[in-house]
Every structure is written in C-alpha cells, then in structure tokens.
Amino acid sequence: MDYTTMDLRTLVERVIEGDERAKEEFERRWEIPWEQVGTVPISIEKKPRD
C-alpha cells in the first residue's frame, strides 16, 4: 500500500485503526505529531486585498 498518495481521510482512518506506518506518513506530511491533532491551532494567512 502506498501511503504517500493516500488521501487524508483514508490516512486518518488507518491511523485511528492503529496503523503505525500511516501515523508516520501523517506526521511527515503535515509536520505535526499525531498526539497534537486537535490541540494545535491552524491559521490560514489571507493576503490583504488591494
């Protein structure tokens, strides 16, 4: 199974099921530890309009 091309929902479902390789790929792709999911604020920088 290719975790690098797996969509986010499937990846998260596999992590919840206990798949360690999916967890490692999630952490690599999103650059946050799985344990911090839901505790880290996510902000999207908006460019000011001219």
Protein backbone atom coordinates (compact mmCIF):
# COMPACT_ATOMS: atom_id res chain seq x y z
CA MET A 1 0.00 0.00 0.00
CA ASP A 2 1.36 3.44 -0.96
CA TYR A 3 0.85 5.79 1.97
CA THR A 4 2.39 8.77 0.17
CA THR A 5 -0.51 9.00 -2.30
CA MET A 6 -3.28 8.08 0.13
CA ASP A 7 -5.92 10.80 0.61
CA LEU A 8 -6.13 12.44 4.03
CA ARG A 9 -9.40 10.83 5.15
CA THR A 10 -8.17 7.30 4.41
CA LEU A 11 -4.83 8.04 6.06
CA VAL A 12 -6.53 9.30 9.24
CA GLU A 13 -8.88 6.31 9.32
CA ARG A 14 -5.90 3.96 9.14
CA VAL A 15 -4.12 5.86 11.94
CA ILE A 16 -7.24 5.56 14.12
CA GLU A 17 -7.25 1.81 13.43
CA GLY A 18 -3.68 1.65 14.80
CA ASP A 19 -1.60 1.58 11.60
CA GLU A 20 1.86 2.88 12.60
CA ARG A 21 3.05 3.39 9.01
CA ALA A 22 0.01 5.59 8.33
CA LYS A 23 0.78 7.56 11.50
CA GLU A 24 4.37 8.12 10.38
CA GLU A 25 3.20 9.32 6.95
CA PHE A 26 0.63 11.67 8.51
CA GLU A 27 3.29 13.20 10.77
CA ARG A 28 5.72 13.56 7.86
CA ARG A 29 3.15 15.10 5.53
CA TRP A 30 1.55 17.51 7.99
CA GLU A 31 4.64 18.15 10.16
CA ILE A 32 2.79 17.72 13.47
CA PRO A 33 2.80 14.80 15.88
CA TRP A 34 -0.40 12.73 15.75
CA GLU A 35 -0.84 13.26 19.50
CA GLN A 36 -1.27 17.01 18.87
CA VAL A 37 -4.10 16.64 16.37
CA GLY A 38 -7.00 18.70 17.64
CA THR A 39 -4.82 20.72 20.02
CA VAL A 40 -2.79 22.75 17.53
CA PRO A 41 -4.48 25.85 16.11
CA ILE A 42 -4.39 26.09 12.34
CA SER A 43 -4.37 29.52 10.77
CA ILE A 44 -4.62 30.38 7.13
CA GLU A 45 -2.87 33.57 6.20
CA LYS A 46 -5.00 35.73 3.96
CA LYS A 47 -3.44 38.25 1.65
CA PRO A 48 -4.85 41.75 2.06
CA ARG A 49 -6.92 42.96 -0.85
CA ASP A 50 -5.64 45.95 -2.77
